[in-house]
N, C-alpha and C. Protein backbone atom coordinates (compact mmCIF):
# COMPACT_ATOMS: atom_id res chain seq x y z
N UNK A 1 65.64 -53.29 -80.73
CA UNK A 1 65.20 -54.63 -81.12
C UNK A 1 64.37 -54.57 -82.40
N UNK A 2 64.46 -55.64 -83.20
CA UNK A 2 63.79 -55.66 -84.49
C UNK A 2 62.27 -55.55 -84.37
N UNK A 3 61.70 -56.12 -83.32
CA UNK A 3 60.24 -56.14 -83.19
C UNK A 3 59.66 -54.74 -83.10
N UNK A 4 60.42 -53.78 -82.58
CA UNK A 4 59.91 -52.42 -82.43
C UNK A 4 59.87 -51.66 -83.75
N UNK A 5 60.36 -52.27 -84.79
CA UNK A 5 60.29 -51.62 -86.11
C UNK A 5 58.91 -51.80 -86.75
N UNK A 6 58.11 -52.70 -86.20
CA UNK A 6 56.76 -52.91 -86.71
C UNK A 6 55.79 -51.90 -86.07
N UNK A 7 54.97 -51.27 -86.90
CA UNK A 7 54.07 -50.23 -86.41
C UNK A 7 53.05 -50.75 -85.40
N UNK A 8 52.60 -52.00 -85.57
CA UNK A 8 51.53 -52.54 -84.72
C UNK A 8 51.97 -52.85 -83.30
N UNK A 9 53.27 -52.86 -83.05
CA UNK A 9 53.77 -53.20 -81.71
C UNK A 9 53.26 -52.20 -80.67
N UNK A 10 53.18 -50.93 -81.08
CA UNK A 10 52.71 -49.90 -80.15
C UNK A 10 51.31 -50.16 -79.66
N UNK A 11 50.47 -50.79 -80.50
CA UNK A 11 49.10 -51.12 -80.11
C UNK A 11 49.10 -51.99 -78.86
N UNK A 12 49.94 -53.00 -78.84
CA UNK A 12 49.96 -53.94 -77.71
C UNK A 12 50.64 -53.34 -76.48
N UNK A 13 51.74 -52.63 -76.70
CA UNK A 13 52.45 -52.06 -75.54
C UNK A 13 51.58 -51.02 -74.85
N UNK A 14 51.05 -50.07 -75.63
CA UNK A 14 50.19 -49.02 -75.06
C UNK A 14 48.89 -49.63 -74.53
N UNK A 15 48.36 -50.62 -75.24
CA UNK A 15 47.12 -51.26 -74.79
C UNK A 15 47.27 -51.91 -73.43
N UNK A 16 48.32 -52.69 -73.25
CA UNK A 16 48.55 -53.33 -71.95
C UNK A 16 48.84 -52.30 -70.86
N UNK A 17 49.62 -51.27 -71.21
CA UNK A 17 49.94 -50.23 -70.22
C UNK A 17 48.67 -49.56 -69.72
N UNK A 18 47.83 -49.14 -70.66
CA UNK A 18 46.58 -48.46 -70.29
C UNK A 18 45.63 -49.38 -69.55
N UNK A 19 45.53 -50.61 -70.00
CA UNK A 19 44.64 -51.57 -69.35
C UNK A 19 45.01 -51.78 -67.88
N UNK A 20 46.29 -51.98 -67.62
CA UNK A 20 46.72 -52.24 -66.24
C UNK A 20 46.67 -50.98 -65.37
N UNK A 21 47.05 -49.84 -65.93
CA UNK A 21 47.06 -48.61 -65.13
C UNK A 21 45.65 -48.18 -64.76
N UNK A 22 44.74 -48.18 -65.72
CA UNK A 22 43.36 -47.83 -65.41
C UNK A 22 42.71 -48.94 -64.58
N UNK A 23 43.12 -50.18 -64.84
CA UNK A 23 42.63 -51.28 -64.03
C UNK A 23 42.98 -51.10 -62.56
N UNK A 24 44.15 -50.58 -62.29
CA UNK A 24 44.56 -50.32 -60.90
C UNK A 24 43.67 -49.26 -60.26
N UNK A 25 43.18 -48.32 -61.07
CA UNK A 25 42.28 -47.29 -60.56
C UNK A 25 40.91 -47.89 -60.23
N UNK A 26 40.47 -48.83 -61.05
CA UNK A 26 39.13 -49.38 -60.90
C UNK A 26 39.03 -50.47 -59.83
N UNK A 27 40.06 -51.31 -59.75
CA UNK A 27 40.01 -52.43 -58.79
C UNK A 27 41.21 -52.36 -57.86
N UNK A 28 41.05 -52.96 -56.72
CA UNK A 28 42.08 -52.91 -55.69
C UNK A 28 43.06 -54.07 -55.86
N UNK A 29 44.17 -53.83 -56.57
CA UNK A 29 45.19 -54.85 -56.78
C UNK A 29 46.48 -54.54 -56.03
N UNK A 30 46.40 -53.62 -55.09
CA UNK A 30 47.53 -53.29 -54.21
C UNK A 30 48.81 -52.92 -54.97
N UNK A 31 48.62 -52.25 -56.10
CA UNK A 31 49.76 -51.74 -56.85
C UNK A 31 50.33 -52.68 -57.88
N UNK A 32 49.86 -53.94 -57.93
CA UNK A 32 50.42 -54.91 -58.88
C UNK A 32 50.16 -54.49 -60.32
N UNK A 33 48.91 -54.12 -60.61
CA UNK A 33 48.59 -53.66 -61.96
C UNK A 33 49.33 -52.37 -62.30
N UNK A 34 49.52 -51.51 -61.31
CA UNK A 34 50.23 -50.25 -61.54
C UNK A 34 51.67 -50.51 -61.97
N UNK A 35 52.31 -51.48 -61.34
CA UNK A 35 53.69 -51.82 -61.69
C UNK A 35 53.76 -52.36 -63.11
N UNK A 36 52.82 -53.27 -63.45
CA UNK A 36 52.80 -53.81 -64.81
C UNK A 36 52.57 -52.70 -65.85
N UNK A 37 51.59 -51.86 -65.58
CA UNK A 37 51.29 -50.78 -66.52
C UNK A 37 52.44 -49.81 -66.67
N UNK A 38 53.06 -49.49 -65.55
CA UNK A 38 54.20 -48.57 -65.59
C UNK A 38 55.34 -49.18 -66.42
N UNK A 39 55.55 -50.47 -66.26
CA UNK A 39 56.60 -51.12 -67.03
C UNK A 39 56.35 -51.05 -68.52
N UNK A 40 55.11 -51.33 -68.94
CA UNK A 40 54.78 -51.29 -70.37
C UNK A 40 54.93 -49.88 -70.95
N UNK A 41 54.42 -48.87 -70.23
CA UNK A 41 54.46 -47.53 -70.80
C UNK A 41 55.88 -46.97 -70.82
N UNK A 42 56.70 -47.35 -69.86
CA UNK A 42 58.11 -46.91 -69.88
C UNK A 42 58.83 -47.53 -71.08
N UNK A 43 58.53 -48.80 -71.36
CA UNK A 43 59.12 -49.43 -72.54
C UNK A 43 58.74 -48.67 -73.81
N UNK A 44 57.45 -48.33 -73.92
CA UNK A 44 56.98 -47.62 -75.11
C UNK A 44 57.70 -46.29 -75.29
N UNK A 45 57.71 -45.49 -74.25
CA UNK A 45 58.33 -44.18 -74.36
C UNK A 45 59.85 -44.27 -74.51
N UNK A 46 60.47 -45.27 -73.90
CA UNK A 46 61.92 -45.43 -74.03
C UNK A 46 62.32 -45.74 -75.46
N UNK A 47 61.46 -46.47 -76.17
CA UNK A 47 61.77 -46.86 -77.55
C UNK A 47 61.50 -45.72 -78.52
N UNK A 48 60.40 -45.00 -78.34
CA UNK A 48 59.94 -44.06 -79.36
C UNK A 48 60.18 -42.59 -79.03
N UNK A 49 60.57 -42.27 -77.81
CA UNK A 49 60.70 -40.87 -77.42
C UNK A 49 62.18 -40.52 -77.25
N UNK A 50 62.53 -39.36 -77.76
CA UNK A 50 63.89 -38.87 -77.55
C UNK A 50 64.12 -38.61 -76.06
N UNK A 51 65.36 -38.77 -75.62
CA UNK A 51 65.69 -38.67 -74.20
C UNK A 51 65.22 -37.36 -73.59
N UNK A 52 65.37 -36.25 -74.34
CA UNK A 52 65.02 -34.94 -73.79
C UNK A 52 63.51 -34.74 -73.67
N UNK A 53 62.72 -35.56 -74.36
CA UNK A 53 61.26 -35.43 -74.30
C UNK A 53 60.60 -36.52 -73.46
N UNK A 54 61.38 -37.45 -72.94
CA UNK A 54 60.83 -38.60 -72.24
C UNK A 54 59.99 -38.17 -71.03
N UNK A 55 60.53 -37.28 -70.21
CA UNK A 55 59.82 -36.85 -69.01
C UNK A 55 58.52 -36.15 -69.37
N UNK A 56 58.55 -35.31 -70.40
CA UNK A 56 57.36 -34.57 -70.81
C UNK A 56 56.25 -35.51 -71.25
N UNK A 57 56.58 -36.52 -72.05
CA UNK A 57 55.58 -37.46 -72.53
C UNK A 57 55.00 -38.30 -71.39
N UNK A 58 55.88 -38.71 -70.47
CA UNK A 58 55.40 -39.46 -69.31
C UNK A 58 54.45 -38.61 -68.47
N UNK A 59 54.80 -37.32 -68.31
CA UNK A 59 53.94 -36.42 -67.54
C UNK A 59 52.57 -36.26 -68.20
N UNK A 60 52.57 -36.09 -69.50
CA UNK A 60 51.30 -35.94 -70.22
C UNK A 60 50.43 -37.18 -70.04
N UNK A 61 51.05 -38.33 -70.13
CA UNK A 61 50.30 -39.59 -70.01
C UNK A 61 49.72 -39.76 -68.61
N UNK A 62 50.57 -39.54 -67.59
CA UNK A 62 50.11 -39.77 -66.22
C UNK A 62 49.22 -38.64 -65.71
N UNK A 63 49.39 -37.43 -66.24
CA UNK A 63 48.45 -36.36 -65.89
C UNK A 63 47.05 -36.73 -66.38
N UNK A 64 47.00 -37.37 -67.54
CA UNK A 64 45.71 -37.83 -68.06
C UNK A 64 45.04 -38.80 -67.10
N UNK A 65 45.81 -39.76 -66.59
CA UNK A 65 45.26 -40.73 -65.64
C UNK A 65 44.84 -40.04 -64.35
N UNK A 66 45.65 -39.09 -63.88
CA UNK A 66 45.33 -38.36 -62.65
C UNK A 66 44.03 -37.58 -62.80
N UNK A 67 43.83 -36.95 -63.96
CA UNK A 67 42.59 -36.22 -64.20
C UNK A 67 41.38 -37.14 -64.17
N UNK A 68 41.54 -38.34 -64.71
CA UNK A 68 40.45 -39.32 -64.67
C UNK A 68 40.13 -39.70 -63.23
N UNK A 69 41.17 -39.88 -62.41
CA UNK A 69 40.97 -40.23 -61.00
C UNK A 69 40.27 -39.10 -60.25
N UNK A 70 40.72 -37.86 -60.48
CA UNK A 70 40.10 -36.71 -59.82
C UNK A 70 38.63 -36.60 -60.19
N UNK A 71 38.35 -36.80 -61.47
CA UNK A 71 36.95 -36.75 -61.92
C UNK A 71 36.12 -37.81 -61.22
N UNK A 72 36.69 -39.01 -61.11
CA UNK A 72 35.96 -40.09 -60.48
C UNK A 72 35.72 -39.89 -59.00
N UNK A 73 36.69 -39.30 -58.31
CA UNK A 73 36.59 -39.14 -56.87
C UNK A 73 35.82 -37.89 -56.45
N UNK A 74 35.90 -36.82 -57.27
CA UNK A 74 35.36 -35.54 -56.83
C UNK A 74 34.21 -35.00 -57.68
N UNK A 75 34.39 -34.97 -58.99
CA UNK A 75 33.45 -34.25 -59.84
C UNK A 75 32.36 -35.13 -60.43
N UNK A 76 32.75 -36.25 -61.01
CA UNK A 76 31.78 -37.18 -61.60
C UNK A 76 30.97 -36.59 -62.75
N UNK A 77 31.52 -35.61 -63.47
CA UNK A 77 30.76 -35.05 -64.59
C UNK A 77 31.38 -35.36 -65.95
N UNK A 78 32.52 -36.03 -65.94
CA UNK A 78 33.13 -36.46 -67.19
C UNK A 78 34.04 -35.45 -67.86
N UNK A 79 34.06 -34.20 -67.39
CA UNK A 79 34.86 -33.17 -68.05
C UNK A 79 36.35 -33.46 -67.94
N UNK A 80 36.83 -33.67 -66.71
CA UNK A 80 38.25 -33.95 -66.53
C UNK A 80 38.64 -35.29 -67.13
N UNK A 81 37.73 -36.25 -67.11
CA UNK A 81 38.02 -37.54 -67.71
C UNK A 81 38.25 -37.40 -69.21
N UNK A 82 37.46 -36.55 -69.85
CA UNK A 82 37.63 -36.31 -71.28
C UNK A 82 38.98 -35.66 -71.57
N UNK A 83 39.32 -34.65 -70.77
CA UNK A 83 40.61 -33.98 -70.94
C UNK A 83 41.75 -34.96 -70.69
N UNK A 84 41.58 -35.78 -69.64
CA UNK A 84 42.60 -36.76 -69.31
C UNK A 84 42.81 -37.77 -70.43
N UNK A 85 41.71 -38.25 -71.00
CA UNK A 85 41.82 -39.22 -72.10
C UNK A 85 42.53 -38.59 -73.30
N UNK A 86 42.20 -37.33 -73.59
CA UNK A 86 42.86 -36.64 -74.70
C UNK A 86 44.35 -36.48 -74.44
N UNK A 87 44.72 -36.17 -73.19
CA UNK A 87 46.13 -36.03 -72.83
C UNK A 87 46.88 -37.34 -73.02
N UNK A 88 46.26 -38.45 -72.63
CA UNK A 88 46.89 -39.76 -72.81
C UNK A 88 47.07 -40.10 -74.29
N UNK A 89 46.04 -39.82 -75.08
CA UNK A 89 46.12 -40.09 -76.52
C UNK A 89 47.22 -39.26 -77.18
N UNK A 90 47.28 -37.98 -76.81
CA UNK A 90 48.30 -37.10 -77.39
C UNK A 90 49.70 -37.55 -77.00
N UNK A 91 49.85 -38.01 -75.76
CA UNK A 91 51.16 -38.43 -75.26
C UNK A 91 51.71 -39.62 -76.03
N UNK A 92 50.84 -40.55 -76.42
CA UNK A 92 51.33 -41.74 -77.13
C UNK A 92 51.39 -41.53 -78.64
N UNK A 93 50.58 -40.59 -79.16
CA UNK A 93 50.55 -40.37 -80.60
C UNK A 93 51.74 -39.53 -81.08
N UNK A 94 52.10 -38.52 -80.31
CA UNK A 94 53.17 -37.61 -80.73
C UNK A 94 54.52 -38.30 -80.95
N UNK A 95 54.92 -39.23 -80.07
CA UNK A 95 56.24 -39.85 -80.27
C UNK A 95 56.29 -40.90 -81.37
N UNK A 96 55.14 -41.31 -81.88
CA UNK A 96 55.11 -42.38 -82.87
C UNK A 96 55.96 -42.01 -84.08
N UNK A 97 56.68 -42.99 -84.63
CA UNK A 97 57.59 -42.70 -85.76
C UNK A 97 56.88 -42.33 -87.05
N UNK A 98 55.61 -42.71 -87.20
CA UNK A 98 54.87 -42.36 -88.40
C UNK A 98 53.37 -42.35 -88.07
N UNK A 99 52.57 -41.96 -89.05
CA UNK A 99 51.13 -41.82 -88.83
C UNK A 99 50.48 -43.15 -88.46
N UNK A 100 50.83 -44.21 -89.15
CA UNK A 100 50.22 -45.51 -88.88
C UNK A 100 50.53 -45.98 -87.47
N UNK A 101 51.79 -45.81 -87.06
CA UNK A 101 52.18 -46.20 -85.70
C UNK A 101 51.43 -45.37 -84.68
N UNK A 102 51.19 -44.09 -85.00
CA UNK A 102 50.43 -43.23 -84.10
C UNK A 102 49.00 -43.69 -83.96
N UNK A 103 48.39 -44.11 -85.06
CA UNK A 103 47.01 -44.63 -85.02
C UNK A 103 46.95 -45.88 -84.15
N UNK A 104 47.94 -46.75 -84.31
CA UNK A 104 47.98 -47.97 -83.50
C UNK A 104 48.09 -47.62 -82.01
N UNK A 105 48.92 -46.62 -81.69
CA UNK A 105 49.09 -46.23 -80.30
C UNK A 105 47.80 -45.67 -79.72
N UNK A 106 47.10 -44.85 -80.50
CA UNK A 106 45.82 -44.29 -80.05
C UNK A 106 44.80 -45.41 -79.83
N UNK A 107 44.77 -46.36 -80.75
CA UNK A 107 43.89 -47.51 -80.58
C UNK A 107 44.24 -48.29 -79.32
N UNK A 108 45.54 -48.33 -79.02
CA UNK A 108 45.97 -49.02 -77.80
C UNK A 108 45.38 -48.39 -76.55
N UNK A 109 45.35 -47.05 -76.52
CA UNK A 109 44.75 -46.35 -75.37
C UNK A 109 43.27 -46.69 -75.26
N UNK A 110 42.55 -46.63 -76.37
CA UNK A 110 41.11 -46.85 -76.34
C UNK A 110 40.77 -48.30 -76.01
N UNK A 111 41.47 -49.24 -76.65
CA UNK A 111 41.20 -50.65 -76.39
C UNK A 111 41.62 -51.03 -74.98
N UNK A 112 42.76 -50.50 -74.53
CA UNK A 112 43.22 -50.79 -73.18
C UNK A 112 42.27 -50.26 -72.11
N UNK A 113 41.77 -49.04 -72.32
CA UNK A 113 40.83 -48.46 -71.36
C UNK A 113 39.54 -49.26 -71.30
N UNK A 114 39.05 -49.67 -72.47
CA UNK A 114 37.83 -50.47 -72.52
C UNK A 114 38.03 -51.85 -71.88
N UNK A 115 39.17 -52.46 -72.18
CA UNK A 115 39.46 -53.79 -71.64
C UNK A 115 39.60 -53.78 -70.12
N UNK A 116 40.04 -52.65 -69.56
CA UNK A 116 40.22 -52.58 -68.11
C UNK A 116 38.90 -52.78 -67.37
N UNK A 117 37.79 -52.50 -68.03
CA UNK A 117 36.48 -52.68 -67.39
C UNK A 117 36.20 -54.15 -67.07
N UNK A 118 36.87 -55.05 -67.79
CA UNK A 118 36.69 -56.48 -67.53
C UNK A 118 37.19 -56.86 -66.14
N UNK A 119 38.14 -56.10 -65.62
CA UNK A 119 38.65 -56.40 -64.28
C UNK A 119 37.56 -56.25 -63.22
N UNK A 120 36.56 -55.41 -63.52
CA UNK A 120 35.48 -55.20 -62.56
C UNK A 120 34.66 -56.46 -62.33
N UNK A 121 34.68 -57.37 -63.30
CA UNK A 121 33.93 -58.60 -63.18
C UNK A 121 34.69 -59.67 -62.40
N UNK A 122 35.99 -59.43 -62.17
CA UNK A 122 36.83 -60.46 -61.56
C UNK A 122 37.35 -60.05 -60.18
N UNK A 123 37.77 -58.79 -60.06
CA UNK A 123 38.44 -58.35 -58.84
C UNK A 123 37.55 -57.38 -58.05
N UNK A 124 37.95 -57.16 -56.82
CA UNK A 124 37.20 -56.27 -55.93
C UNK A 124 37.28 -54.83 -56.41
N UNK A 125 36.13 -54.20 -56.53
CA UNK A 125 36.08 -52.82 -57.00
C UNK A 125 36.54 -51.85 -55.93
N UNK A 126 37.14 -50.76 -56.37
CA UNK A 126 37.42 -49.66 -55.45
C UNK A 126 36.12 -48.90 -55.21
N UNK A 127 36.04 -48.22 -54.08
CA UNK A 127 34.83 -47.48 -53.74
C UNK A 127 34.55 -46.38 -54.75
N UNK A 128 35.59 -45.88 -55.42
CA UNK A 128 35.41 -44.82 -56.41
C UNK A 128 34.50 -45.28 -57.53
N UNK A 129 34.63 -46.56 -57.95
CA UNK A 129 33.80 -47.05 -59.04
C UNK A 129 32.33 -47.03 -58.67
N UNK A 130 32.05 -47.39 -57.42
CA UNK A 130 30.67 -47.35 -56.95
C UNK A 130 30.13 -45.94 -57.01
N UNK A 131 30.98 -44.97 -56.66
CA UNK A 131 30.55 -43.57 -56.67
C UNK A 131 30.29 -43.08 -58.09
N UNK A 132 31.16 -43.48 -59.02
CA UNK A 132 31.00 -43.03 -60.40
C UNK A 132 29.68 -43.50 -60.98
N UNK A 133 29.35 -44.76 -60.77
CA UNK A 133 28.17 -45.34 -61.39
C UNK A 133 26.92 -45.23 -60.53
N UNK A 134 27.04 -44.62 -59.36
CA UNK A 134 25.90 -44.44 -58.46
C UNK A 134 25.21 -45.76 -58.16
N UNK A 135 26.00 -46.80 -57.83
CA UNK A 135 25.45 -48.11 -57.60
C UNK A 135 25.40 -48.48 -56.12
N UNK A 136 25.43 -47.50 -55.24
CA UNK A 136 25.31 -47.79 -53.83
C UNK A 136 23.94 -48.42 -53.57
N UNK A 137 23.93 -49.59 -52.97
CA UNK A 137 22.69 -50.26 -52.65
C UNK A 137 22.55 -50.32 -51.14
N UNK A 138 21.77 -49.40 -50.55
CA UNK A 138 21.55 -49.36 -49.11
C UNK A 138 20.26 -50.11 -48.81
N UNK A 139 20.39 -51.35 -48.36
CA UNK A 139 19.23 -52.21 -48.21
C UNK A 139 18.65 -52.14 -46.82
N UNK A 140 17.42 -52.61 -46.70
CA UNK A 140 16.77 -52.70 -45.40
C UNK A 140 17.55 -53.61 -44.48
N UNK A 141 18.06 -54.72 -45.04
CA UNK A 141 18.82 -55.66 -44.24
C UNK A 141 20.07 -55.04 -43.65
N UNK A 142 20.62 -54.05 -44.33
CA UNK A 142 21.83 -53.39 -43.84
C UNK A 142 21.52 -52.29 -42.85
N UNK A 143 20.24 -52.03 -42.58
CA UNK A 143 19.87 -51.06 -41.57
C UNK A 143 19.59 -49.67 -42.09
N UNK A 144 19.36 -49.54 -43.37
CA UNK A 144 19.14 -48.22 -43.95
C UNK A 144 17.66 -48.02 -44.28
N UNK A 145 16.78 -48.41 -43.37
CA UNK A 145 15.35 -48.36 -43.63
C UNK A 145 14.87 -46.94 -43.90
N UNK A 146 15.22 -46.01 -43.00
CA UNK A 146 14.71 -44.65 -43.13
C UNK A 146 15.25 -43.96 -44.37
N UNK A 147 16.51 -44.20 -44.69
CA UNK A 147 17.08 -43.57 -45.88
C UNK A 147 16.43 -44.15 -47.14
N UNK A 148 16.26 -45.46 -47.18
CA UNK A 148 15.60 -46.07 -48.32
C UNK A 148 14.19 -45.52 -48.51
N UNK A 149 13.48 -45.35 -47.41
CA UNK A 149 12.12 -44.84 -47.49
C UNK A 149 12.10 -43.42 -48.03
N UNK A 150 13.06 -42.61 -47.55
CA UNK A 150 13.14 -41.22 -47.99
C UNK A 150 13.40 -41.14 -49.49
N UNK A 151 14.28 -42.00 -49.98
CA UNK A 151 14.57 -42.00 -51.40
C UNK A 151 13.40 -42.59 -52.20
N UNK A 152 12.78 -43.64 -51.67
CA UNK A 152 11.65 -44.25 -52.37
C UNK A 152 10.51 -43.27 -52.55
N UNK A 153 10.34 -42.38 -51.56
CA UNK A 153 9.26 -41.40 -51.63
C UNK A 153 9.46 -40.37 -52.75
N UNK A 154 10.66 -40.33 -53.31
CA UNK A 154 10.94 -39.37 -54.38
C UNK A 154 10.36 -39.81 -55.72
N UNK A 155 10.01 -41.08 -55.84
CA UNK A 155 9.51 -41.60 -57.11
C UNK A 155 8.29 -40.81 -57.57
N UNK A 156 8.36 -40.28 -58.77
CA UNK A 156 7.26 -39.50 -59.34
C UNK A 156 7.31 -38.03 -58.98
N UNK A 157 8.18 -37.64 -58.06
CA UNK A 157 8.26 -36.23 -57.67
C UNK A 157 8.93 -35.40 -58.76
N UNK A 158 8.57 -34.12 -58.79
CA UNK A 158 9.13 -33.20 -59.77
C UNK A 158 10.10 -32.25 -59.09
N UNK A 159 11.09 -31.81 -59.83
CA UNK A 159 12.09 -30.91 -59.28
C UNK A 159 12.83 -30.17 -60.37
N UNK A 160 14.02 -29.68 -60.04
CA UNK A 160 14.80 -28.87 -60.96
C UNK A 160 16.27 -29.28 -60.88
N UNK A 161 16.95 -29.29 -62.01
CA UNK A 161 18.40 -29.55 -62.02
C UNK A 161 19.12 -28.28 -61.56
N UNK A 162 20.03 -28.43 -60.62
CA UNK A 162 20.80 -27.26 -60.17
C UNK A 162 22.23 -27.32 -60.67
N UNK A 163 22.57 -28.39 -61.39
CA UNK A 163 23.82 -28.47 -62.16
C UNK A 163 23.48 -29.09 -63.50
N UNK A 164 24.38 -28.97 -64.46
CA UNK A 164 24.20 -29.69 -65.71
C UNK A 164 24.30 -31.19 -65.43
N UNK A 165 23.41 -31.95 -66.02
CA UNK A 165 23.43 -33.41 -65.88
C UNK A 165 24.18 -33.98 -67.07
N UNK A 166 25.39 -34.57 -66.82
CA UNK A 166 26.24 -34.98 -67.95
C UNK A 166 26.79 -36.40 -67.82
N UNK A 167 26.04 -37.45 -67.64
CA UNK A 167 24.61 -37.46 -67.32
C UNK A 167 24.36 -37.43 -65.81
N UNK A 168 25.44 -37.35 -65.01
CA UNK A 168 25.30 -37.29 -63.56
C UNK A 168 25.33 -35.84 -63.10
N UNK A 169 24.56 -35.51 -62.09
CA UNK A 169 24.55 -34.15 -61.57
C UNK A 169 23.71 -34.06 -60.31
N UNK A 170 23.30 -32.84 -59.98
CA UNK A 170 22.55 -32.60 -58.75
C UNK A 170 21.19 -31.99 -59.09
N UNK A 171 20.17 -32.49 -58.39
CA UNK A 171 18.82 -31.97 -58.57
C UNK A 171 18.30 -31.44 -57.24
N UNK A 172 17.24 -30.67 -57.30
CA UNK A 172 16.59 -30.16 -56.09
C UNK A 172 15.11 -30.51 -56.14
N UNK A 173 14.66 -31.16 -55.08
CA UNK A 173 13.25 -31.52 -54.95
C UNK A 173 12.77 -31.08 -53.58
N UNK A 174 11.75 -30.24 -53.57
CA UNK A 174 11.17 -29.74 -52.33
C UNK A 174 12.23 -29.16 -51.39
N UNK A 175 13.14 -28.39 -51.97
CA UNK A 175 14.15 -27.69 -51.20
C UNK A 175 15.36 -28.51 -50.81
N UNK A 176 15.38 -29.80 -51.14
CA UNK A 176 16.51 -30.66 -50.80
C UNK A 176 17.27 -31.07 -52.06
N UNK A 177 18.59 -31.23 -51.91
CA UNK A 177 19.43 -31.57 -53.05
C UNK A 177 19.76 -33.06 -53.03
N UNK A 178 19.79 -33.65 -54.24
CA UNK A 178 20.11 -35.07 -54.38
C UNK A 178 21.00 -35.26 -55.60
N UNK A 179 21.88 -36.27 -55.52
CA UNK A 179 22.62 -36.69 -56.71
C UNK A 179 21.71 -37.57 -57.54
N UNK A 180 21.77 -37.39 -58.85
CA UNK A 180 20.89 -38.15 -59.73
C UNK A 180 21.60 -38.42 -61.05
N UNK A 181 20.94 -39.23 -61.87
CA UNK A 181 21.52 -39.59 -63.16
C UNK A 181 20.40 -39.67 -64.19
N UNK A 182 20.73 -39.33 -65.43
CA UNK A 182 19.76 -39.45 -66.52
C UNK A 182 19.98 -40.79 -67.22
N UNK A 183 19.14 -41.06 -68.17
CA UNK A 183 19.27 -42.31 -68.93
C UNK A 183 20.24 -42.12 -70.09
N UNK A 184 21.41 -41.54 -69.80
CA UNK A 184 22.47 -41.43 -70.79
C UNK A 184 22.54 -40.12 -71.55
N UNK A 185 21.58 -39.21 -71.35
CA UNK A 185 21.61 -37.96 -72.09
C UNK A 185 21.86 -36.78 -71.14
N UNK A 186 22.23 -35.63 -71.71
CA UNK A 186 22.55 -34.44 -70.93
C UNK A 186 21.31 -33.57 -70.74
N UNK A 187 21.19 -32.98 -69.58
CA UNK A 187 20.12 -32.02 -69.30
C UNK A 187 20.77 -30.76 -68.74
N UNK A 188 20.34 -29.62 -69.22
CA UNK A 188 20.94 -28.36 -68.78
C UNK A 188 20.49 -27.96 -67.38
N UNK A 189 21.29 -27.16 -66.73
CA UNK A 189 20.96 -26.61 -65.42
C UNK A 189 19.67 -25.79 -65.49
N UNK A 190 18.83 -25.92 -64.46
CA UNK A 190 17.60 -25.16 -64.40
C UNK A 190 16.42 -25.79 -65.13
N UNK A 191 16.57 -27.04 -65.54
CA UNK A 191 15.51 -27.73 -66.28
C UNK A 191 14.57 -28.47 -65.31
N UNK A 192 13.30 -28.45 -65.60
CA UNK A 192 12.33 -29.18 -64.79
C UNK A 192 12.43 -30.66 -65.10
N UNK A 193 12.44 -31.48 -64.04
CA UNK A 193 12.62 -32.92 -64.21
C UNK A 193 11.62 -33.69 -63.34
N UNK A 194 11.52 -34.98 -63.61
CA UNK A 194 10.68 -35.87 -62.81
C UNK A 194 11.50 -37.12 -62.47
N UNK A 195 11.34 -37.64 -61.27
CA UNK A 195 12.02 -38.87 -60.86
C UNK A 195 11.21 -40.05 -61.41
N UNK A 196 11.87 -40.89 -62.21
CA UNK A 196 11.17 -42.01 -62.85
C UNK A 196 11.57 -43.36 -62.27
N UNK A 197 12.68 -43.39 -61.52
CA UNK A 197 13.10 -44.66 -60.92
C UNK A 197 14.01 -44.40 -59.73
N UNK A 198 13.83 -45.17 -58.67
CA UNK A 198 14.69 -45.08 -57.49
C UNK A 198 15.14 -46.49 -57.13
N UNK A 199 16.45 -46.68 -57.04
CA UNK A 199 17.02 -47.98 -56.68
C UNK A 199 18.07 -47.75 -55.60
N UNK A 200 17.69 -47.96 -54.33
CA UNK A 200 18.61 -47.62 -53.24
C UNK A 200 18.78 -46.12 -53.19
N UNK A 201 20.00 -45.65 -53.44
CA UNK A 201 20.25 -44.21 -53.50
C UNK A 201 20.46 -43.73 -54.94
N UNK A 202 20.21 -44.60 -55.89
CA UNK A 202 20.32 -44.22 -57.30
C UNK A 202 18.99 -43.61 -57.73
N UNK A 203 19.03 -42.37 -58.19
CA UNK A 203 17.83 -41.66 -58.63
C UNK A 203 17.93 -41.42 -60.13
N UNK A 204 17.01 -42.00 -60.88
CA UNK A 204 16.97 -41.82 -62.32
C UNK A 204 15.90 -40.80 -62.66
N UNK A 205 16.27 -39.80 -63.46
CA UNK A 205 15.33 -38.73 -63.78
C UNK A 205 15.13 -38.61 -65.29
N UNK A 206 14.07 -37.88 -65.67
CA UNK A 206 13.85 -37.53 -67.06
C UNK A 206 13.38 -36.09 -67.13
N UNK A 207 13.62 -35.47 -68.27
CA UNK A 207 13.19 -34.11 -68.50
C UNK A 207 11.66 -34.06 -68.64
N UNK A 208 11.04 -33.04 -68.07
CA UNK A 208 9.58 -32.98 -68.04
C UNK A 208 8.98 -32.97 -69.44
N UNK A 209 9.62 -32.31 -70.38
CA UNK A 209 9.03 -32.21 -71.71
C UNK A 209 9.26 -33.45 -72.57
N UNK A 210 9.77 -34.54 -71.94
CA UNK A 210 9.93 -35.79 -72.65
C UNK A 210 8.61 -36.52 -72.83
N UNK A 211 7.61 -36.11 -72.06
CA UNK A 211 6.33 -36.81 -72.15
C UNK A 211 5.69 -36.58 -73.53
């Protein structure tokens, strides 16, 4: 079709594909977004990828999404998500007919991934999203009095990071381990830290030498 001769078309096709596929990971749409995203990305690869490379490019793209899911469900340190994002970008950039079209395709991945976050404001979140952002709110009304108290008592306590904080990781305070998060920066393993904020089970820490 004539429209596919324009370099900017890849921006929209890849953008919608990424938005819906990642959106399906973030919110519970019972596969509807996955079908839409799959349709868009198959169109893109069918137009720009040679038949013998089609499966390889699809694998690279979906392996990227799978790595992001694994990171969100198990690791939460961003390493696999970074690799996954790079795999998705490479998968859409390589088949592009020229450099400009490749740039548009890469922009499609980035814009689509960012746009998918808007679904969180409209649709029901998957539990994985809560885990990634450490937004579990265990309230007194819900019956979590003792747990809330235990976490609240950590405010101002000092401890040590037992994993790299990137920015999420694990800390140890008085012999017990807790998941915690920094204010957006990385802290190396074995660093002395202080708890500066507790919100439910969300523990915000800072490096001791920040004072």
